[in-house]
Protein backbone atom coordinates (compact mmCIF):
# COMPACT_ATOMS: atom_id res chain seq x y z
CA MET A 1 -64.68 -28.98 51.93
CA SER A 2 -61.58 -31.14 51.69
CA GLU A 3 -58.21 -30.05 50.35
CA HIS A 4 -58.74 -32.50 47.47
CA ASP A 5 -62.03 -30.81 46.53
CA LEU A 6 -60.40 -27.40 46.67
CA ILE A 7 -57.42 -28.32 44.52
CA LEU A 8 -58.76 -30.28 41.59
CA PRO A 9 -60.54 -27.44 39.79
CA ARG A 10 -57.37 -25.39 40.03
CA ILE A 11 -54.96 -27.83 38.43
CA GLY A 12 -56.79 -27.88 35.13
CA LYS A 13 -58.85 -31.06 34.98
CA VAL A 14 -59.18 -31.73 31.27
CA PRO A 15 -62.75 -32.10 29.92
CA GLY A 16 -63.28 -35.65 28.73
CA ALA A 17 -60.25 -37.04 30.55
CA ASP A 18 -62.29 -39.34 32.78
CA ALA A 19 -64.23 -40.66 29.80
CA ALA A 20 -60.98 -41.43 28.01
CA LEU A 21 -59.72 -43.26 31.07
CA HIS A 22 -62.79 -45.43 31.45
CA HIS A 23 -63.55 -45.98 27.77
CA PRO A 24 -60.24 -46.53 25.93
CA PRO A 25 -60.39 -47.62 22.27
CA ALA A 26 -60.89 -51.39 22.10
CA ASP A 27 -57.89 -51.90 19.80
CA GLY A 28 -55.57 -49.59 21.73
CA ARG A 29 -55.46 -47.07 18.88
CA LEU A 30 -55.93 -43.36 19.33
CA PRO A 31 -59.05 -41.82 17.76
CA ASP A 32 -57.08 -39.48 15.49
CA ALA A 33 -59.87 -37.16 14.43
CA ASP A 34 -61.09 -36.67 17.98
CA ARG A 35 -57.59 -35.94 19.24
CA LYS A 36 -56.87 -33.41 16.50
CA ALA A 37 -60.03 -31.56 17.47
CA ASP A 38 -58.58 -31.03 20.95
CA PHE A 39 -55.70 -28.96 19.51
CA PRO A 40 -56.69 -25.55 18.11
CA GLY A 41 -53.16 -24.98 16.79
CA LEU A 42 -53.46 -27.71 14.17
CA ARG A 43 -55.16 -25.49 11.58
CA THR A 44 -53.70 -23.04 9.10
CA ALA A 45 -54.70 -19.38 9.01
CA ALA A 46 -57.00 -20.27 6.12
CA GLY A 47 -58.65 -22.99 8.19
CA GLY A 48 -57.09 -26.01 6.49
CA PRO A 49 -55.11 -28.80 8.14
CA TRP A 50 -51.59 -27.98 9.29
CA HIS A 51 -49.40 -31.07 9.21
CA TYR A 52 -47.34 -30.39 12.30
CA LEU A 53 -44.37 -32.77 12.47
CA ASP A 54 -42.18 -30.85 14.91
CA THR A 55 -43.47 -32.18 18.21
CA ALA A 56 -39.96 -33.11 19.38
CA ALA A 57 -39.19 -29.38 19.41
CA THR A 58 -42.42 -28.42 21.16
CA ALA A 59 -45.86 -29.99 21.33
CA GLN A 60 -49.12 -28.31 20.41
CA LYS A 61 -51.42 -27.67 23.37
CA PRO A 62 -54.83 -29.27 23.95
CA GLN A 63 -57.72 -26.97 24.71
CA GLY A 64 -57.94 -28.30 28.26
CA VAL A 65 -54.41 -27.10 29.01
CA ILE A 66 -55.14 -23.74 27.43
CA ASP A 67 -58.27 -23.44 29.55
CA ALA A 68 -56.40 -24.38 32.72
CA VAL A 69 -53.75 -21.73 32.07
CA THR A 70 -56.37 -19.11 31.23
CA ARG A 71 -58.33 -19.85 34.38
CA ALA A 72 -55.21 -19.80 36.55
CA MET A 73 -54.07 -16.51 35.03
CA GLY A 74 -57.53 -14.98 35.33
CA ALA A 75 -60.26 -15.66 37.84
CA ASP A 76 -58.11 -17.88 40.09
CA TYR A 77 -54.91 -15.85 40.00
CA ALA A 78 -52.92 -14.87 43.10
CA THR A 79 -49.39 -15.46 44.29
CA VAL A 80 -48.51 -18.48 46.38
CA HIS A 81 -46.94 -19.35 49.74
CA ARG A 82 -47.11 -15.87 51.24
CA GLY A 83 -50.68 -14.65 51.26
CA VAL A 84 -53.07 -15.25 54.14
CA TYR A 85 -56.09 -14.21 52.08
CA THR A 86 -58.32 -16.91 50.66
CA ARG A 87 -57.40 -16.79 46.99
CA SER A 88 -53.67 -16.93 47.72
CA ALA A 89 -54.20 -19.88 50.05
CA GLU A 90 -56.25 -21.65 47.41
CA MET A 91 -53.68 -20.96 44.70
CA THR A 92 -50.97 -22.30 46.99
CA LEU A 93 -52.94 -25.52 47.37
CA GLY A 94 -53.35 -25.68 43.60
CA TYR A 95 -49.66 -25.07 42.96
CA GLU A 96 -48.55 -27.77 45.37
CA ALA A 97 -51.21 -30.11 44.00
CA ALA A 98 -49.62 -29.54 40.59
CA ARG A 99 -46.29 -30.65 42.03
CA ARG A 100 -47.98 -33.74 43.42
CA ARG A 101 -49.60 -34.49 40.04
CA VAL A 102 -46.29 -34.17 38.19
CA ALA A 103 -44.62 -36.46 40.73
CA GLN A 104 -47.37 -39.06 40.31
CA PHE A 105 -47.00 -38.89 36.52
CA ILE A 106 -43.40 -40.13 36.70
CA GLY A 107 -43.77 -42.38 39.73
CA GLY A 108 -42.02 -40.11 42.24
CA ARG A 109 -42.83 -38.33 45.49
CA GLU A 110 -43.85 -34.69 45.58
CA ASP A 111 -40.99 -33.73 47.91
CA GLU A 112 -38.60 -35.03 45.22
CA VAL A 113 -39.89 -32.78 42.40
CA VAL A 114 -38.21 -29.41 41.87
CA PHE A 115 -39.97 -27.09 39.47
CA THR A 116 -37.55 -25.49 37.01
CA ARG A 117 -37.87 -23.43 33.83
CA GLY A 118 -37.29 -26.60 31.81
CA ALA A 119 -34.91 -29.51 31.38
CA THR A 120 -32.02 -27.17 30.64
CA GLU A 121 -32.30 -25.51 34.03
CA ALA A 122 -32.89 -28.88 35.69
CA ILE A 123 -29.63 -30.30 34.31
CA ASN A 124 -27.77 -27.11 35.21
CA LEU A 125 -29.08 -27.43 38.76
CA ALA A 126 -27.75 -30.97 39.04
CA ALA A 127 -24.43 -30.11 37.40
CA TYR A 128 -23.74 -27.17 39.72
CA SER A 129 -25.22 -28.42 42.98
CA TYR A 130 -24.33 -32.09 43.07
CA PRO A 131 -21.60 -32.08 45.73
CA ARG A 132 -19.37 -34.84 44.39
CA LYS A 133 -18.02 -33.35 41.18
CA GLY A 134 -15.62 -35.41 39.10
CA ARG A 135 -15.98 -37.27 35.85
CA VAL A 136 -19.30 -37.46 34.02
CA LEU A 137 -20.06 -39.97 31.29
CA LEU A 138 -22.22 -38.55 28.51
CA SER A 139 -23.05 -40.09 25.14
CA ALA A 140 -22.38 -39.04 21.57
CA LEU A 141 -26.07 -38.29 20.95
CA GLU A 142 -26.72 -35.83 23.76
CA HIS A 143 -28.52 -32.51 23.32
CA HIS A 144 -26.37 -29.46 24.00
CA SER A 145 -28.34 -28.98 27.23
CA ASN A 146 -26.83 -32.23 28.49
CA ILE A 147 -23.30 -31.28 27.45
CA VAL A 148 -22.67 -27.60 28.10
CA PRO A 149 -23.86 -27.46 31.76
CA TRP A 150 -21.34 -30.13 32.76
CA GLN A 151 -18.53 -28.26 31.01
CA LEU A 152 -19.48 -24.94 32.63
CA ALA A 153 -19.75 -26.52 36.08
CA GLY A 154 -16.22 -27.92 35.82
CA TRP A 155 -16.89 -31.62 35.28
CA GLN A 156 -14.49 -33.78 33.28
CA VAL A 157 -16.50 -35.13 30.36
CA ASP A 158 -16.11 -38.61 28.86
CA VAL A 159 -18.13 -39.61 25.80
CA CYS A 160 -19.73 -43.01 25.29
CA PRO A 161 -19.99 -44.05 21.61
CA LEU A 162 -23.08 -45.28 19.78
CA THR A 163 -24.01 -48.62 18.26
CA PRO A 164 -24.24 -48.77 14.45
CA ASP A 165 -28.02 -48.21 14.58
CA GLY A 166 -27.74 -45.13 16.80
CA ARG A 167 -28.25 -46.35 20.36
CA ILE A 168 -26.06 -45.52 23.33
CA ASP A 169 -23.53 -48.34 23.46
CA LEU A 170 -23.91 -49.63 27.00
CA ASP A 171 -21.31 -52.35 26.45
CA ALA A 172 -18.83 -49.55 25.75
CA ALA A 173 -20.15 -47.64 28.76
CA GLU A 174 -19.46 -50.64 30.97
CA ARG A 175 -15.85 -50.71 29.77
CA MET A 176 -15.40 -46.96 30.23
CA LEU A 177 -16.89 -46.49 33.69
CA THR A 178 -14.54 -46.29 36.67
CA ARG A 179 -14.70 -45.28 40.29
CA ASP A 180 -13.65 -41.79 39.18
CA HIS A 181 -17.05 -41.27 37.61
CA ALA A 182 -19.51 -39.49 39.87
CA MET A 183 -22.28 -39.09 37.31
CA VAL A 184 -23.70 -40.72 34.20
CA ALA A 185 -26.04 -38.44 32.21
CA PHE A 186 -27.84 -39.95 29.23
CA ALA A 187 -30.85 -39.08 27.10
CA HIS A 188 -33.71 -41.49 27.79
CA VAL A 189 -34.82 -40.95 24.17
CA SER A 190 -32.62 -39.22 21.59
CA ASN A 191 -34.10 -35.99 20.24
CA VAL A 192 -32.49 -36.67 16.83
CA LEU A 193 -32.54 -40.44 16.38
CA GLY A 194 -35.47 -41.44 18.58
CA SER A 195 -33.41 -44.29 20.01
CA VAL A 196 -34.55 -45.49 23.42
CA LEU A 197 -32.02 -46.11 26.18
CA ASP A 198 -32.04 -49.29 28.24
CA ALA A 199 -32.28 -47.05 31.28
CA ARG A 200 -32.36 -49.80 33.88
CA ARG A 201 -29.12 -51.28 32.61
CA ALA A 202 -27.58 -47.79 32.52
CA ALA A 203 -28.58 -47.35 36.17
CA ASP A 204 -27.03 -50.70 37.12
CA LEU A 205 -23.77 -49.75 35.37
CA ALA A 206 -23.63 -46.34 37.05
CA HIS A 207 -24.39 -47.72 40.50
CA GLY A 208 -21.84 -50.48 40.00
CA VAL A 209 -19.02 -47.92 40.12
CA GLY A 210 -20.62 -45.70 42.76
CA ALA A 211 -21.94 -43.11 40.31
CA VAL A 212 -25.47 -41.76 39.98
CA LEU A 213 -27.59 -41.67 36.83
CA LEU A 214 -29.33 -38.59 35.46
CA LEU A 215 -31.77 -39.13 32.60
CA ASP A 216 -32.78 -36.40 30.17
CA GLY A 217 -36.43 -37.34 29.75
CA CYS A 218 -37.59 -34.55 27.43
CA GLN A 219 -38.45 -36.90 24.56
CA ALA A 220 -39.49 -39.81 26.77
CA VAL A 221 -42.22 -38.37 29.01
CA PRO A 222 -44.54 -37.41 26.09
CA ARG A 223 -44.39 -40.84 24.47
CA LEU A 224 -43.30 -43.57 26.89
CA PRO A 225 -44.49 -44.79 30.29
CA VAL A 226 -41.99 -43.40 32.82
CA ASP A 227 -41.58 -44.73 36.35
CA VAL A 228 -38.47 -43.40 38.05
CA ALA A 229 -38.60 -46.12 40.68
CA ALA A 230 -38.64 -48.89 38.08
CA LEU A 231 -35.90 -47.16 36.08
CA ASP A 232 -33.81 -46.92 39.27
CA CYS A 233 -32.35 -43.59 38.11
CA ASP A 234 -31.23 -40.92 40.55
CA PHE A 235 -32.24 -37.75 38.68
CA TYR A 236 -34.83 -37.27 35.95
CA ALA A 237 -35.17 -34.00 34.01
CA PHE A 238 -37.87 -32.96 31.57
CA SER A 239 -39.64 -29.94 30.07
CA GLY A 240 -43.34 -29.16 30.17
CA HIS A 241 -43.72 -27.77 26.67
CA LYS A 242 -42.79 -31.10 25.05
CA LEU A 243 -45.41 -32.80 27.24
CA TYR A 244 -48.27 -30.73 25.75
CA GLY A 245 -47.91 -28.19 28.56
CA PRO A 246 -46.72 -24.57 28.71
CA THR A 247 -43.23 -23.27 28.08
CA GLY A 248 -41.19 -21.94 31.00
CA ILE A 249 -41.82 -24.92 33.25
CA GLY A 250 -40.12 -28.26 33.76
CA ALA A 251 -38.94 -30.45 36.57
CA LEU A 252 -35.97 -32.15 38.10
CA TRP A 253 -36.90 -35.26 40.02
CA GLY A 254 -34.18 -36.40 42.40
CA ARG A 255 -33.90 -38.95 45.16
CA ALA A 256 -34.76 -37.25 48.44
CA ALA A 257 -31.42 -38.10 50.06
CA LEU A 258 -29.48 -36.64 47.13
CA LEU A 259 -31.51 -33.42 47.04
CA ASP A 260 -31.11 -33.04 50.79
CA ALA A 261 -27.31 -33.18 50.42
CA MET A 262 -27.22 -30.56 47.64
CA PRO A 263 -26.77 -26.84 48.34
CA PRO A 264 -28.96 -24.29 46.57
CA TRP A 265 -27.60 -22.92 43.32
CA GLN A 266 -29.66 -19.71 43.21
CA GLY A 267 -30.51 -17.41 46.08
CA GLY A 268 -33.51 -15.20 46.75
CA GLY A 269 -36.95 -15.34 48.24
CA ALA A 270 -38.92 -18.52 48.97
CA MET A 271 -35.86 -20.79 49.22
CA ILE A 272 -34.83 -19.56 52.66
CA GLU A 273 -35.54 -20.55 56.23
CA ARG A 274 -33.96 -17.58 58.01
CA VAL A 275 -31.99 -14.61 56.66
CA THR A 276 -29.71 -12.22 58.52
CA PHE A 277 -26.82 -10.14 57.22
CA GLU A 278 -24.47 -12.51 59.01
CA ARG A 279 -25.77 -15.84 57.73
CA THR A 280 -28.68 -17.51 55.96
CA SER A 281 -30.24 -20.92 56.43
CA TYR A 282 -32.20 -22.62 53.69
CA ALA A 283 -35.53 -24.35 53.30
CA PRO A 284 -35.59 -28.12 52.77
CA PRO A 285 -35.93 -29.53 49.26
CA PRO A 286 -37.65 -28.93 46.94
CA GLN A 287 -38.22 -25.30 48.02
CA ARG A 288 -34.47 -24.88 48.54
CA PHE A 289 -34.02 -24.95 44.77
CA GLU A 290 -36.93 -22.67 43.82
CA ALA A 291 -35.70 -19.12 44.41
CA GLY A 292 -38.12 -16.31 43.64
CA THR A 293 -41.76 -16.24 42.68
CA PRO A 294 -42.42 -19.56 40.96
CA ALA A 295 -44.05 -20.25 37.59
CA ILE A 296 -47.47 -20.67 39.19
CA VAL A 297 -49.62 -20.61 36.09
CA GLU A 298 -47.21 -22.76 34.13
CA ALA A 299 -47.10 -25.42 36.86
CA ILE A 300 -50.88 -25.67 36.84
CA GLY A 301 -50.80 -25.96 33.04
CA LEU A 302 -48.22 -28.74 33.29
CA ALA A 303 -50.43 -30.64 35.74
CA ALA A 304 -53.31 -30.34 33.27
CA ALA A 305 -51.05 -31.72 30.53
CA CYS A 306 -50.15 -34.67 32.76
CA ASP A 307 -53.87 -35.33 33.24
CA TYR A 308 -54.44 -35.25 29.49
CA VAL A 309 -51.59 -37.61 28.60
CA ALA A 310 -52.36 -39.98 31.47
CA ALA A 311 -56.00 -40.21 30.37
CA ILE A 312 -54.93 -41.49 26.96
CA GLY A 313 -52.06 -43.57 28.29
CA PRO A 314 -48.36 -43.23 27.37
CA ALA A 315 -48.26 -46.84 26.18
CA ALA A 316 -51.08 -46.16 23.71
CA ILE A 317 -49.31 -43.00 22.55
CA HIS A 318 -46.08 -44.89 22.00
CA ALA A 319 -47.82 -47.61 20.01
CA HIS A 320 -49.62 -44.99 17.91
CA GLU A 321 -46.42 -43.11 17.15
CA ALA A 322 -44.59 -46.36 16.38
CA ARG A 323 -47.05 -47.05 13.57
CA LEU A 324 -46.46 -43.58 12.14
CA VAL A 325 -42.69 -44.01 12.37
CA ALA A 326 -42.91 -47.33 10.53
CA ALA A 327 -45.06 -45.82 7.77
CA THR A 328 -42.72 -42.85 7.40
CA ARG A 329 -39.59 -44.96 7.23
CA GLU A 330 -41.24 -47.23 4.68
CA GLY A 331 -42.17 -44.26 2.50
CA LEU A 332 -38.70 -42.74 2.73
CA ARG A 333 -36.94 -46.04 2.14
CA ALA A 334 -38.71 -46.31 -1.22
CA MET A 335 -36.72 -43.25 -2.35
CA ASN A 336 -33.18 -44.25 -3.34
CA ASP A 337 -31.75 -40.81 -2.57
CA VAL A 338 -32.78 -40.69 1.10
CA ARG A 339 -30.51 -41.60 3.99
CA LEU A 340 -32.29 -42.66 7.17
CA PHE A 341 -30.75 -42.30 10.63
CA GLY A 342 -31.48 -44.09 13.87
CA PRO A 343 -33.05 -47.45 14.69
CA GLU A 344 -36.12 -48.89 13.05
CA ASP A 345 -38.01 -48.79 16.35
CA SER A 346 -37.30 -45.15 17.11
CA ALA A 347 -39.76 -43.49 19.47
CA GLY A 348 -41.80 -40.94 17.55
CA ILE A 349 -38.87 -39.40 15.63
CA VAL A 350 -37.50 -39.93 12.11
CA SER A 351 -34.35 -38.10 10.99
CA PHE A 352 -33.19 -38.27 7.39
CA ALA A 353 -31.21 -36.52 4.65
CA LEU A 354 -31.85 -36.19 0.91
CA ASP A 355 -28.89 -36.38 -1.45
CA GLY A 356 -28.11 -32.96 -2.89
CA ILE A 357 -30.87 -31.14 -0.98
CA HIS A 358 -30.10 -29.23 2.19
CA PRO A 359 -32.59 -29.87 5.00
CA HIS A 360 -33.35 -26.14 5.20
CA ASP A 361 -34.40 -26.13 1.53
CA LEU A 362 -36.58 -29.16 2.13
CA GLY A 363 -38.16 -27.52 5.17
CA THR A 364 -38.91 -24.36 3.20
CA ILE A 365 -40.66 -26.23 0.39
CA LEU A 366 -42.58 -28.43 2.83
CA ASP A 367 -43.82 -25.28 4.54
CA GLU A 368 -45.44 -24.28 1.25
CA GLU A 369 -47.35 -27.57 1.51
CA ASP A 370 -48.43 -26.79 5.10
CA VAL A 371 -46.05 -29.42 6.45
CA ALA A 372 -43.86 -28.38 9.38
CA ILE A 373 -40.64 -30.28 10.11
CA ARG A 374 -37.39 -29.37 11.84
CA ALA A 375 -34.21 -28.86 9.82
CA GLY A 376 -30.76 -28.30 11.28
CA HIS A 377 -28.43 -29.80 13.86
CA HIS A 378 -31.19 -30.05 16.51
CA CYS A 379 -28.86 -28.76 19.25
CA ALA A 380 -26.76 -31.89 18.77
CA GLN A 381 -23.72 -30.73 16.82
CA PRO A 382 -21.40 -33.49 18.12
CA LEU A 383 -23.90 -36.05 16.83
CA MET A 384 -24.00 -34.38 13.41
CA ASP A 385 -20.21 -34.66 13.27
CA ARG A 386 -20.44 -38.38 14.01
CA LEU A 387 -23.15 -38.87 11.40
CA GLY A 388 -21.02 -37.03 8.85
CA VAL A 389 -23.69 -34.48 7.91
CA PRO A 390 -24.07 -30.76 8.64
CA ALA A 391 -27.76 -31.18 9.44
CA THR A 392 -30.72 -33.52 9.11
CA ALA A 393 -34.41 -33.16 8.41
CA ARG A 394 -36.51 -34.41 11.31
CA ALA A 395 -40.16 -35.41 11.36
CA SER A 396 -41.48 -35.96 14.87
CA PHE A 397 -44.93 -37.13 15.84
CA GLY A 398 -47.35 -36.44 18.64
CA LEU A 399 -50.50 -38.09 19.91
CA TYR A 400 -52.45 -35.91 17.44
CA SER A 401 -50.46 -37.02 14.37
CA ASP A 402 -52.02 -39.36 11.83
CA GLN A 403 -51.50 -41.06 8.49
CA ASP A 404 -52.65 -37.92 6.63
CA ASP A 405 -49.63 -36.14 8.09
CA VAL A 406 -47.33 -38.90 6.88
CA ALA A 407 -48.87 -38.78 3.41
CA ALA A 408 -48.49 -34.99 3.25
CA LEU A 409 -44.83 -35.31 4.24
CA ILE A 410 -44.11 -37.89 1.53
CA ARG A 411 -45.92 -35.79 -1.10
CA GLY A 412 -43.93 -32.74 -0.10
CA ILE A 413 -40.63 -34.60 -0.29
CA GLU A 414 -41.52 -35.93 -3.74
CA ARG A 415 -42.31 -32.38 -4.89
CA THR A 416 -38.98 -31.18 -3.50
CA ARG A 417 -37.12 -33.90 -5.39
CA ARG A 418 -38.84 -32.84 -8.61
CA ILE A 419 -37.93 -29.19 -8.04
CA PHE A 420 -34.28 -30.09 -7.51
CA GLY A 421 -34.26 -32.42 -10.49
């Protein structure tokens, strides 16, 4: 039996994935009803449809991912890397195969993928361990997880402004960047505005002054094709739970030469080569950055999620969500008391505000209609300040969303407007 044969059952091969790969819809559209059926969380307690429009916060999980996690936590479970008994050896193969699958999903190499607890930990790792600390250029739309780590790690933060339609202003970035900048860290897709970064141009600008580019890919990997080689970035961070996988797992992809030059930022088991009381030497990347027993089950679940999304195709998902964004913006624009934020071609996310109605009140009433949205500052308080609002309402789509969800949202907003007069 080959290693390949041994691994595949243990990284959560999703039922139907091969069929989806070989028989895509002729028009490139997602079969909405079939996809909804894959997600047991999309029903209310009473058995009716739950219009889940909070995928940017966390995605619902397909049954194949749930099954992969259950299997890994049950009949297949053992720890990794240390055991000489069969099940531990097999689980080790499965865990490292999951790393390889995640690397393939974003166009990287497996020795360049560090498993983390999520994008937050991944960015913290880069902020603390990157050896050339100095100035970092962020943007005005960044999530707190791409602001606070740089502050805590002692970087000097500069802030790139936005264009009028809510994109990172790369012309301004070009004017701001100097040789003092060691890092540029931008969101690939904004979690509030859905605006998509011209990542390749951002990489060219960073490299032009000798800096490296880190991309926060949390909102990009579930809805856009991502190829780190084509993007020419230097670090790429993302979370599993937004990619239809489990919580508690994510990844930092980094160029091998950069990871090799970075010291570990946490110490413990698994990340060492040799330990004495006098000195310790460390394992090579990526193990150097994975102290302690890893998130074995979660990594296998993430690999299953990568299989599921890849079978459908990120380009098809993006096109599907673009249609839902257009329909939502059209419906909201017909209301003269709604303010829309972000560009028309936002990726899967629509943020808005209703005159005289706080987003929390809107979210509460929508919940009565079995419509789930996000209301608040979305961990982007500096962006709220620049938009001139305390909070926004945010509807965000997934591959399972459909026009019925859009219609339920619009009906719920119309009811809210009637309630508030």
